Every structure is written in C-alpha cells, then in structure tokens.
Amino acid sequence: RMPGVRLHPNYHGFKLDDPQFARLLRLATERRLIVQLALLMEDERMMHPLLRVEAVDTAPLVDLLKQTPGLRLVLLNALGKLRGKPLSDLLAAGEVYVEVSMLEGVGGVGNLLAQVPANRVLFGSHAPLFYLESALLKLKESPLTQDQLRSVRNGNARRLAGW
C-alpha cells in the first residue's frame, strides 16, 4: 500500500496554478504523502473530437516543486507528451518520478533511461485501461541491465514508499 493521493486535475476541474493546489501539495508533504498526478487518462487520438479532455499543463509545476521541499511527486501517464527539457526541468526541480505506461516506441524504456535518472522511473501499466502484458513487454524489449530492471520493476517504488 502506498500512502498518498491521486489527482486528475483535468477531470477534477482545476489548473496547477490554483493556490488550493499549492496548499494541497504543502499539506501532503507535511503528512509525508506521495502525490500522484495524472496528466491524462486516455490518448487524445482515442477521444471523440467533441469529448476531448486536454492533458494537464505542467508549466506551473517547476516553481511549485521548488516551493515545496520534500514533496514526493509521481507523474502518471506523462511520457506520451512530456519529453525533453520540460521533463528534465521537472525531474531536476524536486523528487519527481515518472512511470512507463504511456511510453511508446521500440526500446522506449532504454531510451528513457538514457535521458533521465534511472532512480526516477517506475513501472506502470495503466491497467485495467491498458493490457498489463503491454507494460511487461516494454521491459523485455528494451536493453536493460539487471540493476535497471530491478530498479524500474520495484526498487524505485520501494524507496519512494519508504519500504
């Protein structure tokens, strides 16, 4: 069991620059809770054009992370859109983790580990919306060392949860 809160800003109806969101982050940090932030629930290519739900704008997060030392933040369903400098800036701003459920491409996990610290990557499947086997195959088809596999499969999550 991971003690924390999971937020879906684009479904809960708030933006990340909302002062109440900053307050929630402070309160979660004081209580040593992990905050999971879902950036989207479904690939926009699968959404009906009249029912599109935009991905969460992560621009305010870097400043919020700097203002909230000790925050443990997991970005869910982030790697379909969040890449390059915006991702690097978030990872550098605080204790931020990403999971691999929406990571696409051959050798995706290996490519990700070449760009981001291996200790910030978590296994994620987005089950039951995605097949668990798809996430497992991402680990098999990437050229990963045993240490990298162990970290992504469970080591990083154990450390994050304080186990």
Protein backbone atom coordinates (compact mmCIF):
# COMPACT_ATOMS: atom_id res chain seq x y z
CA ARG A 1 0.00 0.00 0.00
CA MET A 2 1.39 3.38 -0.98
CA PRO A 3 0.21 6.23 1.29
CA GLY A 4 -0.79 9.12 -0.89
CA VAL A 5 -3.31 10.93 -3.03
CA ARG A 6 -4.01 10.61 -6.74
CA LEU A 7 -5.19 13.69 -8.57
CA HIS A 8 -6.73 14.12 -12.01
CA PRO A 9 -6.72 17.93 -12.49
CA ASN A 10 -8.29 17.84 -15.93
CA TYR A 11 -11.22 15.78 -14.56
CA HIS A 12 -11.33 17.36 -11.10
CA GLY A 13 -11.62 20.79 -12.72
CA PHE A 14 -8.55 22.70 -11.55
CA LYS A 15 -5.32 24.01 -13.03
CA LEU A 16 -1.89 23.59 -11.45
CA ASP A 17 -1.57 27.33 -10.83
CA ASP A 18 -4.59 27.22 -8.47
CA PRO A 19 -3.50 28.35 -4.97
CA GLN A 20 -5.51 25.49 -3.46
CA PHE A 21 -3.39 23.00 -5.40
CA ALA A 22 -0.23 24.54 -3.90
CA ARG A 23 -1.85 24.24 -0.47
CA LEU A 24 -2.72 20.59 -1.10
CA LEU A 25 0.92 19.89 -2.05
CA ARG A 26 2.14 21.51 1.17
CA LEU A 27 -0.35 19.55 3.29
CA ALA A 28 0.52 16.27 1.56
CA THR A 29 4.22 16.93 2.11
CA GLU A 30 3.68 17.72 5.81
CA ARG A 31 1.87 14.38 6.15
CA ARG A 32 4.56 12.51 4.17
CA LEU A 33 2.04 11.52 1.50
CA ILE A 34 3.01 10.69 -2.06
CA VAL A 35 1.18 12.78 -4.64
CA GLN A 36 0.31 11.07 -7.91
CA LEU A 37 -0.64 13.49 -10.66
CA ALA A 38 -2.34 12.02 -13.73
CA LEU A 39 -1.55 14.20 -16.74
CA LEU A 40 -4.14 12.45 -18.89
CA MET A 41 -6.31 9.35 -18.80
CA GLU A 42 -6.56 8.46 -22.46
CA ASP A 43 -4.54 9.14 -25.58
CA GLU A 44 -6.24 12.05 -27.36
CA ARG A 45 -6.20 10.03 -30.59
CA MET A 46 -8.76 7.74 -28.96
CA MET A 47 -11.08 10.55 -27.82
CA HIS A 48 -14.12 11.63 -29.77
CA PRO A 49 -13.48 15.14 -31.18
CA LEU A 50 -16.43 16.58 -29.23
CA LEU A 51 -15.34 14.98 -25.95
CA ARG A 52 -11.64 15.83 -25.80
CA VAL A 53 -10.08 16.29 -22.39
CA GLU A 54 -6.85 18.25 -22.65
CA ALA A 55 -3.69 17.00 -20.98
CA VAL A 56 -2.65 18.82 -17.81
CA ASP A 57 -0.41 21.85 -18.36
CA THR A 58 2.70 21.12 -16.27
CA ALA A 59 4.27 24.59 -16.64
CA PRO A 60 3.49 25.68 -13.03
CA LEU A 61 5.00 22.53 -11.52
CA VAL A 62 8.68 23.52 -11.54
CA ASP A 63 8.04 26.54 -9.30
CA LEU A 64 5.67 24.54 -7.08
CA LEU A 65 8.29 21.84 -6.60
CA LYS A 66 10.88 24.43 -5.59
CA GLN A 67 8.38 25.98 -3.14
CA THR A 68 7.52 22.59 -1.61
CA PRO A 69 10.72 20.88 -0.46
CA GLY A 70 10.17 17.27 0.49
CA LEU A 71 7.27 16.75 -1.91
CA ARG A 72 7.27 13.27 -3.48
CA LEU A 73 5.51 13.58 -6.84
CA VAL A 74 4.72 10.83 -9.34
CA LEU A 75 3.65 11.91 -12.81
CA LEU A 76 1.21 9.36 -14.22
CA ASN A 77 0.56 8.88 -17.93
CA ALA A 78 3.08 11.63 -18.62
CA LEU A 79 5.51 10.18 -21.12
CA GLY A 80 3.21 10.32 -24.11
CA LYS A 81 3.58 14.11 -24.17
CA LEU A 82 6.16 15.21 -21.60
CA ARG A 83 9.67 14.86 -23.01
CA GLY A 84 12.96 16.72 -23.42
CA LYS A 85 13.68 19.88 -21.48
CA PRO A 86 10.26 20.20 -19.76
CA LEU A 87 10.68 16.67 -18.36
CA SER A 88 14.31 17.28 -17.39
CA ASP A 89 13.38 20.54 -15.65
CA LEU A 90 10.69 18.80 -13.60
CA LEU A 91 12.98 15.95 -12.58
CA ALA A 92 15.67 18.44 -11.55
CA ALA A 93 13.26 20.61 -9.52
CA GLY A 94 12.47 18.03 -6.85
CA GLU A 95 11.72 14.41 -6.03
CA VAL A 96 9.73 13.66 -9.19
CA TYR A 97 9.12 10.24 -10.69
CA VAL A 98 7.59 9.09 -13.97
CA GLU A 99 6.04 5.76 -14.87
CA VAL A 100 6.19 3.99 -18.23
CA SER A 101 2.57 3.07 -19.02
CA MET A 102 2.14 5.56 -21.89
CA LEU A 103 5.71 5.38 -23.16
CA GLU A 104 5.71 4.34 -26.80
CA GLY A 105 8.37 3.24 -29.26
CA VAL A 106 10.80 0.38 -29.71
CA GLY A 107 13.32 0.35 -26.88
CA GLY A 108 11.30 3.06 -25.14
CA VAL A 109 12.36 2.30 -21.57
CA GLY A 110 16.02 2.02 -22.57
CA ASN A 111 15.81 5.32 -24.47
CA LEU A 112 14.14 6.96 -21.48
CA LEU A 113 16.86 5.73 -19.11
CA ALA A 114 19.46 7.28 -21.42
CA GLN A 115 17.79 10.66 -20.83
CA VAL A 116 16.56 10.62 -17.24
CA PRO A 117 17.94 9.25 -13.96
CA ALA A 118 17.12 5.55 -13.61
CA ASN A 119 16.14 6.07 -9.97
CA ARG A 120 13.20 8.26 -11.06
CA VAL A 121 11.50 5.74 -13.35
CA LEU A 122 8.70 3.49 -12.09
CA PHE A 123 6.92 0.56 -13.66
CA GLY A 124 3.36 1.47 -14.59
CA SER A 125 0.74 -0.37 -16.60
CA HIS A 126 -2.38 1.86 -16.54
CA ALA A 127 -4.36 -1.36 -16.04
CA PRO A 128 -7.21 -2.06 -16.49
CA LEU A 129 -7.38 0.52 -19.29
CA PHE A 130 -4.23 -0.93 -20.92
CA TYR A 131 -3.17 -4.55 -21.03
CA LEU A 132 -0.66 -5.43 -18.32
CA GLU A 133 1.26 -7.52 -20.87
CA SER A 134 1.98 -4.39 -22.90
CA ALA A 135 3.82 -2.80 -19.97
CA LEU A 136 5.72 -6.01 -19.26
CA LEU A 137 6.82 -6.21 -22.90
CA LYS A 138 8.24 -2.69 -22.66
CA LEU A 139 10.71 -4.01 -20.09
CA LYS A 140 11.56 -7.10 -22.12
CA GLU A 141 12.19 -5.37 -25.44
CA SER A 142 14.47 -2.67 -24.01
CA PRO A 143 18.14 -3.50 -23.47
CA LEU A 144 18.22 -3.05 -19.69
CA THR A 145 20.75 -4.27 -17.15
CA GLN A 146 19.56 -6.38 -14.22
CA ASP A 147 20.07 -3.40 -11.91
CA GLN A 148 17.95 -1.18 -14.16
CA LEU A 149 15.22 -3.82 -14.37
CA ARG A 150 15.17 -4.28 -10.60
CA SER A 151 15.00 -0.51 -10.05
CA VAL A 152 12.17 0.08 -12.51
CA ARG A 153 10.18 -3.03 -11.57
CA ASN A 154 10.09 -2.36 -7.84
CA GLY A 155 13.25 -0.89 -6.31
CA ASN A 156 12.39 2.74 -7.03
CA ALA A 157 8.80 2.30 -5.80
CA ARG A 158 10.03 0.66 -2.61
CA ARG A 159 12.42 3.55 -1.95
CA LEU A 160 9.71 6.11 -2.78
CA ALA A 161 7.25 4.47 -0.37
CA GLY A 162 9.89 4.16 2.34
CA TRP A 163 9.83 0.35 2.43
